[in-house]
Amino acid sequence: ISAKLLSAVAEVDTGKFFSGELDDKEWQKIANSCRAVRDLPLYFDDTSALTPLELRSKSIQVQNINGLGLIVVDFLIPPQQTPFPGIFV
């Protein structure tokens, strides 16, 4: 995700970025983007199989430490029913 963010901010083709086939001007744009992006208040969490309750808990922790303006979820596993009616995990 961070590589895609850098290439987008630098306005450099993502395919060229991932292959490393950039010219000197494009590498300079990536370097400038690194400086711009490093100070952004971003938090990435790549925990696998994160449940909605865990997402909520992590969100509260981040909010309490740094503040929180937006949550983007790339993939969320659907809740699974427990043996107790109306209770999901």
Protein backbone atom coordinates (compact mmCIF):
# COMPACT_ATOMS: atom_id res chain seq x y z
CA ILE A 1 0.00 0.00 0.00
CA SER A 2 2.79 2.41 0.88
CA ALA A 3 4.54 1.76 -2.45
CA LYS A 4 1.33 2.54 -4.32
CA LEU A 5 0.90 5.69 -2.23
CA LEU A 6 4.44 6.82 -3.05
CA SER A 7 4.07 6.19 -6.76
CA ALA A 8 0.74 8.03 -6.79
CA VAL A 9 2.11 11.06 -4.94
CA ALA A 10 5.19 11.10 -7.19
CA GLU A 11 3.01 10.67 -10.28
CA VAL A 12 5.20 7.78 -11.40
CA ASP A 13 3.86 4.69 -13.17
CA THR A 14 3.26 2.01 -10.53
CA GLY A 15 4.46 -0.77 -12.83
CA LYS A 16 7.77 1.01 -13.43
CA PHE A 17 8.07 1.69 -9.71
CA PHE A 18 7.64 -1.97 -8.77
CA SER A 19 10.02 -3.14 -11.49
CA GLY A 20 12.61 -0.50 -10.59
CA GLU A 21 12.79 0.71 -14.18
CA LEU A 22 12.75 4.40 -13.34
CA ASP A 23 14.95 7.10 -14.81
CA ASP A 24 16.83 9.62 -12.67
CA LYS A 25 14.01 12.18 -12.84
CA GLU A 26 11.45 9.59 -11.66
CA TRP A 27 13.73 8.45 -8.81
CA GLN A 28 14.01 12.08 -7.73
CA LYS A 29 10.22 12.37 -7.73
CA ILE A 30 10.02 9.24 -5.53
CA ALA A 31 12.61 10.70 -3.12
CA ASN A 32 10.65 13.96 -2.87
CA SER A 33 7.44 12.00 -2.29
CA CYS A 34 9.10 10.05 0.53
CA ARG A 35 9.83 13.30 2.31
CA ALA A 36 6.24 14.50 1.79
CA VAL A 37 4.60 11.23 2.84
CA ARG A 38 6.76 10.45 5.89
CA ASP A 39 5.16 13.29 7.88
CA LEU A 40 1.58 12.30 7.09
CA PRO A 41 -0.40 10.91 10.03
CA LEU A 42 -0.88 7.45 8.49
CA TYR A 43 -1.19 4.15 10.33
CA PHE A 44 -1.05 0.85 8.46
CA ASP A 45 -2.06 -2.41 10.08
CA ASP A 46 -1.64 -5.60 8.09
CA THR A 47 -3.17 -7.92 10.68
CA SER A 48 -4.78 -10.85 8.90
CA ALA A 49 -8.34 -11.99 9.66
CA LEU A 50 -9.18 -8.83 11.62
CA THR A 51 -12.68 -8.98 13.08
CA PRO A 52 -14.92 -5.92 13.37
CA LEU A 53 -14.43 -5.92 17.15
CA GLU A 54 -10.63 -5.99 16.75
CA LEU A 55 -10.85 -3.21 14.17
CA ARG A 56 -12.87 -1.14 16.63
CA SER A 57 -10.37 -1.78 19.41
CA LYS A 58 -7.37 -0.84 17.25
CA SER A 59 -9.21 2.25 16.01
CA ILE A 60 -9.82 3.42 19.56
CA GLN A 61 -6.13 2.90 20.42
CA VAL A 62 -4.99 4.92 17.40
CA GLN A 63 -7.56 7.63 18.15
CA ASN A 64 -6.31 7.95 21.72
CA ILE A 65 -2.65 8.18 20.67
CA ASN A 66 -2.65 10.14 17.41
CA GLY A 67 -6.20 11.10 16.56
CA LEU A 68 -8.12 9.46 13.78
CA GLY A 69 -9.87 10.92 10.75
CA LEU A 70 -10.47 8.02 8.39
CA ILE A 71 -10.43 4.22 8.41
CA VAL A 72 -9.95 2.33 5.16
CA VAL A 73 -10.58 -1.41 5.21
CA ASP A 74 -9.11 -3.39 2.34
CA PHE A 75 -10.77 -6.67 3.27
CA LEU A 76 -13.13 -7.61 6.08
CA ILE A 77 -14.16 -11.15 6.91
CA PRO A 78 -17.93 -11.51 7.36
CA PRO A 79 -18.99 -12.11 10.97
CA GLN A 80 -19.66 -15.69 11.92
CA GLN A 81 -22.68 -16.71 13.96
CA THR A 82 -22.05 -18.24 17.38
CA PRO A 83 -24.28 -20.89 18.95
CA PHE A 84 -25.99 -18.01 20.76
CA PRO A 85 -28.70 -16.28 18.68
CA GLY A 86 -27.89 -12.69 17.76
CA ILE A 87 -24.26 -12.90 18.92
CA PHE A 88 -21.53 -12.69 16.30
CA VAL A 89 -17.74 -12.88 16.48
